Amino acid sequence: MDKLKSKFNSSIVIITSLINKKSIIIIGVTNDIIKKISAKEILHKLTKKLGGTGGGKSNIAEGGIKNLTLLPVELKKIKKWIDTKL
């Protein structure tokens, strides 16, 4: 995650993966964006909509989600929500 964030001056990185029928989501936020929105805040918003749990810090958070069918729709919604915060 740190390598991805270091390639950009200002970024939010969201990685999802499916392992053994369980979905994992990891969110990283660069330090300049933390003042406006945290990785933990983004994660909690996604896990609430997708039936999951997770936690973390302001710069990195991870969790698991259950409702994979809604993931593409919720990622589009979260992007719009993030745009309003920045």
Protein backbone atom coordinates (compact mmCIF):
# COMPACT_ATOMS: atom_id res chain seq x y z
CA MET A 1 0.00 0.00 0.00
CA ASP A 2 2.78 2.45 0.89
CA LYS A 3 4.47 1.85 -2.47
CA LEU A 4 1.23 2.63 -4.30
CA LYS A 5 0.59 5.77 -2.25
CA SER A 6 4.17 6.96 -2.75
CA LYS A 7 3.71 6.98 -6.53
CA PHE A 8 1.13 9.76 -6.21
CA ASN A 9 1.36 13.07 -4.34
CA SER A 10 -2.24 12.92 -3.26
CA SER A 11 -4.31 9.74 -3.46
CA ILE A 12 -6.83 7.32 -2.08
CA VAL A 13 -6.13 3.69 -2.94
CA ILE A 14 -8.84 1.04 -2.59
CA ILE A 15 -7.85 -2.58 -3.15
CA THR A 16 -10.31 -5.45 -3.08
CA SER A 17 -9.52 -9.14 -3.31
CA LEU A 18 -11.48 -12.37 -3.20
CA ILE A 19 -9.75 -15.17 -1.30
CA ASN A 20 -11.50 -18.45 -0.42
CA LYS A 21 -14.94 -16.91 -1.06
CA LYS A 22 -14.17 -14.05 1.34
CA SER A 23 -13.65 -10.52 0.13
CA ILE A 24 -10.97 -8.33 1.65
CA ILE A 25 -10.82 -4.58 1.23
CA ILE A 26 -7.82 -2.38 2.02
CA ILE A 27 -7.92 1.41 1.85
CA GLY A 28 -4.94 3.74 1.94
CA VAL A 29 -5.01 7.53 2.11
CA THR A 30 -2.08 9.93 1.69
CA ASN A 31 -1.31 12.31 4.54
CA ASP A 32 -2.62 15.42 2.79
CA ILE A 33 -6.07 13.84 2.32
CA ILE A 34 -6.34 12.57 5.91
CA LYS A 35 -7.22 16.14 6.93
CA LYS A 36 -10.41 15.84 4.85
CA ILE A 37 -11.25 12.13 4.95
CA SER A 38 -9.69 9.07 6.57
CA ALA A 39 -9.23 5.52 5.34
CA LYS A 40 -11.18 4.31 8.35
CA GLU A 41 -14.10 6.58 7.48
CA ILE A 42 -14.21 5.26 3.90
CA LEU A 43 -13.97 1.66 5.10
CA HIS A 44 -16.80 2.07 7.59
CA LYS A 45 -19.03 3.60 4.94
CA LEU A 46 -18.36 0.68 2.57
CA THR A 47 -18.65 -2.10 5.15
CA LYS A 48 -21.93 -0.66 6.41
CA LYS A 49 -23.42 -0.93 2.91
CA LEU A 50 -21.79 -4.26 2.05
CA GLY A 51 -22.36 -6.19 5.26
CA GLY A 52 -18.87 -6.30 6.62
CA THR A 53 -16.55 -5.23 9.38
CA GLY A 54 -13.14 -3.72 9.68
CA GLY A 55 -10.97 -1.10 11.25
CA GLY A 56 -7.71 0.69 11.05
CA LYS A 57 -6.09 4.07 11.24
CA SER A 58 -6.60 7.32 9.43
CA ASN A 59 -4.02 6.43 6.76
CA ILE A 60 -4.79 2.71 6.28
CA ALA A 61 -7.75 0.48 7.06
CA GLU A 62 -8.84 -3.02 6.15
CA GLY A 63 -11.84 -5.25 6.53
CA GLY A 64 -14.02 -7.91 5.04
CA ILE A 65 -17.28 -7.61 3.14
CA LYS A 66 -20.03 -10.13 2.56
CA ASN A 67 -22.21 -8.70 -0.21
CA LEU A 68 -19.95 -8.89 -3.26
CA THR A 69 -22.75 -8.35 -5.77
CA LEU A 70 -23.15 -4.74 -4.61
CA LEU A 71 -19.42 -3.97 -4.58
CA PRO A 72 -19.19 -2.36 -8.06
CA VAL A 73 -22.21 -0.14 -7.37
CA GLU A 74 -20.98 0.88 -3.92
CA LEU A 75 -17.49 1.68 -5.23
CA LYS A 76 -19.06 4.12 -7.71
CA LYS A 77 -21.14 5.65 -4.92
CA ILE A 78 -18.13 5.95 -2.60
CA LYS A 79 -16.17 7.72 -5.34
CA LYS A 80 -18.92 10.34 -5.64
CA TRP A 81 -19.05 10.70 -1.85
CA ILE A 82 -15.25 11.10 -1.69
CA ASP A 83 -15.42 13.80 -4.39
CA THR A 84 -17.80 15.81 -2.18
CA LYS A 85 -15.36 15.59 0.75
CA LEU A 86 -12.29 16.75 -1.21
